[in-house]
Protein backbone atom coordinates (compact mmCIF):
# COMPACT_ATOMS: atom_id res chain seq x y z
CA MET A 1 19.25 6.67 19.67
CA LYS A 2 17.71 3.62 18.04
CA GLU A 3 16.00 4.37 14.72
CA LEU A 4 12.22 4.04 14.85
CA LEU A 5 11.24 1.50 12.22
CA THR A 6 8.14 2.04 10.12
CA VAL A 7 7.29 -1.66 10.33
CA GLU A 8 8.70 -4.30 12.67
CA ILE A 9 7.35 -7.85 12.55
CA ARG A 10 8.36 -10.70 14.84
CA LYS A 11 7.18 -14.29 14.36
CA LEU A 12 3.86 -13.34 12.78
CA SER A 13 1.54 -16.24 11.94
CA HIS A 14 -1.99 -16.24 10.57
CA TRP A 15 -4.73 -18.77 9.88
CA TYR A 16 -8.00 -18.86 7.96
CA GLY A 17 -10.98 -21.08 8.70
CA GLU A 18 -12.07 -23.09 11.72
CA GLY A 19 -11.69 -26.68 12.94
CA SER A 20 -10.81 -29.18 10.24
CA MET A 21 -10.91 -26.39 7.65
CA LYS A 22 -8.34 -24.25 9.46
CA LYS A 23 -5.34 -23.48 7.27
CA GLN A 24 -2.16 -21.64 8.17
CA VAL A 25 -1.25 -19.00 5.57
CA LEU A 26 1.62 -17.18 7.33
CA HIS A 27 4.41 -19.01 9.15
CA SER A 28 6.43 -17.07 11.73
CA ILE A 29 7.18 -14.03 9.52
CA SER A 30 9.88 -11.65 10.76
CA MET A 31 10.88 -8.52 8.82
CA THR A 32 11.39 -4.77 9.11
CA ILE A 33 10.87 -1.71 6.91
CA LYS A 34 12.81 1.50 7.54
CA PRO A 35 11.54 5.06 6.95
CA GLY A 36 11.94 6.00 3.27
CA GLU A 37 12.75 2.43 2.22
CA VAL A 38 11.22 0.80 -0.87
CA VAL A 39 10.72 -2.94 -0.38
CA LEU A 40 9.38 -5.29 -3.05
CA LEU A 41 7.71 -8.55 -2.03
CA THR A 42 7.53 -11.28 -4.67
CA GLY A 43 6.29 -14.84 -4.70
CA PRO A 44 3.72 -17.13 -6.34
CA SER A 45 -0.02 -16.49 -6.10
CA GLY A 46 -1.58 -17.79 -2.91
CA CYS A 47 1.62 -17.71 -0.84
CA GLY A 48 0.31 -15.13 1.66
CA LYS A 49 1.56 -11.80 0.26
CA THR A 50 -1.80 -10.01 0.27
CA THR A 51 -2.66 -11.36 3.73
CA LEU A 52 0.60 -9.93 5.05
CA LEU A 53 -0.17 -6.59 3.38
CA THR A 54 -3.59 -6.35 5.01
CA LEU A 55 -2.18 -7.22 8.44
CA ILE A 56 0.43 -4.46 8.14
CA GLY A 57 -2.34 -2.11 6.99
CA ALA A 58 -4.28 -2.79 10.22
CA LEU A 59 -7.17 -4.30 8.25
CA ARG A 60 -7.08 -7.68 10.06
CA ASN A 61 -6.60 -8.71 13.67
CA ILE A 62 -3.22 -10.13 14.66
CA GLN A 63 -3.58 -13.75 15.77
CA GLU A 64 -0.02 -14.67 16.74
CA GLY A 65 3.26 -12.76 16.88
CA ASP A 66 4.13 -9.08 17.11
CA LEU A 67 3.52 -6.40 14.50
CA TYR A 68 4.54 -2.79 15.16
CA VAL A 69 3.66 0.05 12.76
CA PHE A 70 5.16 3.46 13.58
CA GLY A 71 6.13 1.93 16.92
CA LYS A 72 2.55 0.95 17.80
CA GLN A 73 1.79 -2.69 18.61
CA LEU A 74 -1.11 -4.01 16.52
CA ARG A 75 -1.61 -7.24 18.44
CA ASN A 76 -4.50 -6.71 20.88
CA SER A 77 -4.75 -3.07 19.74
CA THR A 78 -7.99 -1.10 20.02
CA ARG A 79 -10.11 -0.12 17.04
CA ASN A 80 -9.26 3.53 17.76
CA THR A 81 -5.52 2.79 17.60
CA ARG A 82 -5.92 1.00 14.27
CA GLN A 83 -8.04 3.82 12.84
CA LYS A 84 -5.43 6.41 13.79
CA LEU A 85 -2.65 4.32 12.23
CA ARG A 86 -4.58 3.90 9.00
CA ARG A 87 -4.71 7.68 8.54
CA ASN A 88 -0.95 7.50 7.88
CA ILE A 89 -1.11 4.40 5.67
CA GLY A 90 -1.90 4.55 1.96
CA MET A 91 -3.22 1.37 0.35
CA ILE A 92 -3.42 0.53 -3.35
CA PHE A 93 -5.58 -2.53 -4.02
CA GLN A 94 -5.81 -4.63 -7.18
CA GLY A 95 -9.56 -3.99 -7.34
CA HIS A 96 -9.15 -0.18 -7.43
CA ASN A 97 -12.08 0.35 -5.00
CA LEU A 98 -13.16 3.58 -6.68
CA LEU A 99 -16.58 5.03 -5.91
CA ARG A 100 -18.62 4.75 -9.10
CA CYS A 101 -20.70 7.86 -8.38
CA LEU A 102 -17.62 10.12 -8.10
CA THR A 103 -15.45 11.55 -10.87
CA ALA A 104 -11.75 10.77 -11.13
CA GLU A 105 -10.91 14.04 -9.38
CA GLN A 106 -13.43 13.44 -6.61
CA ASN A 107 -12.11 9.93 -6.02
CA VAL A 108 -8.58 11.30 -5.65
CA GLN A 109 -9.80 14.04 -3.33
CA MET A 110 -11.02 11.34 -0.96
CA GLY A 111 -7.34 10.79 -0.20
CA ALA A 112 -6.62 14.50 0.18
CA ASP A 113 -9.61 14.81 2.53
CA LEU A 114 -7.62 12.80 5.10
CA LEU A 115 -5.09 15.63 5.42
CA PRO A 116 -5.66 17.40 8.74
CA ASN A 117 -6.36 21.12 9.09
CA GLN A 118 -6.47 21.88 5.35
CA THR A 119 -8.96 23.98 3.42
CA TYR A 120 -11.26 22.55 0.78
CA MET A 121 -9.40 24.49 -1.91
CA PHE A 122 -6.04 23.07 -0.82
CA ARG A 123 -7.41 19.52 -0.86
CA ARG A 124 -8.89 20.08 -4.30
CA GLN A 125 -5.54 21.40 -5.56
CA GLN A 126 -3.84 18.31 -4.14
CA SER A 127 -6.21 16.01 -6.00
CA ARG A 128 -5.48 17.83 -9.25
CA LYS A 129 -1.74 17.73 -8.59
CA TRP A 130 -1.71 13.95 -8.12
CA LEU A 131 -3.98 13.36 -11.11
CA ASN A 132 -1.41 15.27 -13.14
CA GLU A 133 1.41 13.21 -11.61
CA VAL A 134 -0.17 9.99 -12.87
CA GLY A 135 -0.93 11.53 -16.28
CA LEU A 136 -4.72 11.81 -16.02
CA SER A 137 -5.43 15.54 -15.85
CA ASP A 138 -7.54 15.32 -19.01
CA GLU A 139 -9.74 12.59 -17.49
CA SER A 140 -10.53 14.40 -14.22
CA HIS A 141 -14.30 14.73 -14.81
CA LYS A 142 -14.89 11.17 -16.03
CA LEU A 143 -16.67 8.55 -13.94
CA PRO A 144 -14.92 5.20 -13.33
CA GLN A 145 -17.17 3.32 -15.80
CA ASN A 146 -15.81 5.56 -18.56
CA LEU A 147 -12.19 4.77 -17.80
CA SER A 148 -9.94 1.85 -18.76
CA GLY A 149 -8.58 -0.59 -16.20
CA GLY A 150 -5.17 1.06 -16.36
CA GLN A 151 -6.67 4.51 -15.83
CA LYS A 152 -8.63 3.27 -12.81
CA GLN A 153 -5.43 1.86 -11.36
CA ARG A 154 -3.65 5.19 -11.77
CA ILE A 155 -6.54 7.01 -10.09
CA ALA A 156 -6.35 4.59 -7.15
CA ILE A 157 -2.62 5.30 -6.91
CA ALA A 158 -3.21 9.07 -7.04
CA ARG A 159 -5.84 8.77 -4.30
CA ALA A 160 -3.40 6.95 -2.02
CA LEU A 161 -0.64 9.48 -2.66
CA ALA A 162 -2.95 12.48 -2.11
CA ALA A 163 -3.21 11.54 1.57
CA ARG A 164 0.58 11.98 1.94
CA PRO A 165 1.03 8.66 3.76
CA LYS A 166 4.06 7.72 5.82
CA LEU A 167 3.63 4.10 4.73
CA LEU A 168 2.36 3.02 1.32
CA LEU A 169 1.20 -0.57 0.75
CA ALA A 170 0.64 -1.50 -2.89
CA ASP A 171 -0.78 -4.80 -4.15
CA GLU A 172 0.31 -5.33 -7.77
CA PRO A 173 0.17 -1.60 -8.65
CA THR A 174 1.49 -2.14 -12.19
CA ALA A 175 -0.66 -5.17 -13.08
CA ALA A 176 -3.07 -3.24 -15.34
CA LEU A 177 -0.46 -0.87 -16.77
CA ASP A 178 1.69 -1.04 -19.86
CA SER A 179 5.45 -1.20 -19.46
CA ALA A 180 6.15 2.53 -19.83
CA THR A 181 3.31 3.67 -17.55
CA GLY A 182 4.14 1.03 -14.94
CA ARG A 183 7.71 2.25 -14.87
CA GLU A 184 6.57 5.86 -14.46
CA ILE A 185 4.28 4.95 -11.56
CA VAL A 186 6.94 3.00 -9.68
CA SER A 187 9.42 5.83 -10.22
CA LEU A 188 6.79 8.17 -8.73
CA LEU A 189 6.49 5.92 -5.66
CA LYS A 190 10.27 5.88 -5.34
CA ARG A 191 10.33 9.68 -5.45
CA LEU A 192 7.64 9.84 -2.79
CA ALA A 193 9.79 7.64 -0.57
CA LEU A 194 12.80 9.91 -1.01
CA GLU A 195 11.04 13.28 -0.70
CA GLN A 196 8.63 12.47 2.14
CA SER A 197 10.53 9.66 3.92
CA CYS A 198 7.57 7.44 3.10
CA SER A 199 8.16 3.70 3.40
CA VAL A 200 6.82 1.68 0.45
CA LEU A 201 5.98 -2.03 0.37
CA ILE A 202 5.00 -3.32 -3.07
CA VAL A 203 3.64 -6.80 -3.75
CA THR A 204 4.45 -7.60 -7.37
CA HIS A 205 4.95 -10.22 -10.03
CA ASP A 206 6.37 -7.60 -12.41
CA PRO A 207 10.07 -8.30 -13.16
CA ARG A 208 10.38 -4.93 -14.95
CA ILE A 209 10.36 -2.94 -11.68
CA LEU A 210 12.58 -5.03 -9.40
CA ASP A 211 15.56 -2.70 -9.83
CA VAL A 212 13.81 0.23 -8.07
CA ALA A 213 13.77 -1.60 -4.75
CA ASP A 214 16.12 -0.88 -1.88
CA ARG A 215 15.43 -4.45 -0.81
CA LEU A 216 13.79 -7.48 -2.36
CA LEU A 217 11.92 -10.06 -0.28
CA LYS A 218 10.66 -13.38 -1.59
CA MET A 219 7.76 -15.27 -0.06
CA GLU A 220 6.84 -18.91 -0.56
CA ASP A 221 4.25 -21.01 1.27
CA GLY A 222 3.68 -18.32 3.87
CA SER A 223 7.34 -17.80 4.75
CA ILE A 224 9.91 -15.13 3.88
CA LEU A 225 12.79 -16.85 2.09
CA THR A 226 15.21 -13.92 1.86
CA ASN A 227 15.64 -10.76 3.90
CA ASN A 228 18.64 -8.86 2.64
């Protein structure tokens, strides 16, 4: 039986703008991600990495080409289909996207709240578990404005992991972290991939973490240069 790929992309292209301002940012991208695989995507700023990430995360409409996530075609998909897919996709953004009115623990619990058929107490325990995993148990009752940039990034990572995703998409997850902490976080993502068969796609400029990848992809000018 053919293995069901987490992500399968065929000749995916994408544009921004209209008329004379229309600009192509992705050029016929083809790639796959297997269950439990950790893939790192590198390349210069502005080459299309984040756009590709948001397309895989079902946050943008597919304009041209085929994109399957968990076997579901995203091109011409319904809003309901995309919403259901996103429940199994964890996303870590550069901007953290934490709710300022919630504590660190409450922000992480937003991820745990996506788990189906679980009690409030279980979801609360999950949020505390993942805060501990990223080394922030002592900061659980602090609001985002009282945390450093690196701490906010770790909370965003914990929130994504608390939902137990089957696909994790991370945009520069180590950018605000020191070397040791960044290494710990990426090792945690690698462990998640192994233990839960979660596929991980990390966009990064960080050369310190390249060795954790099962596969390294390089993007330039909207095209994948290597796929090995």
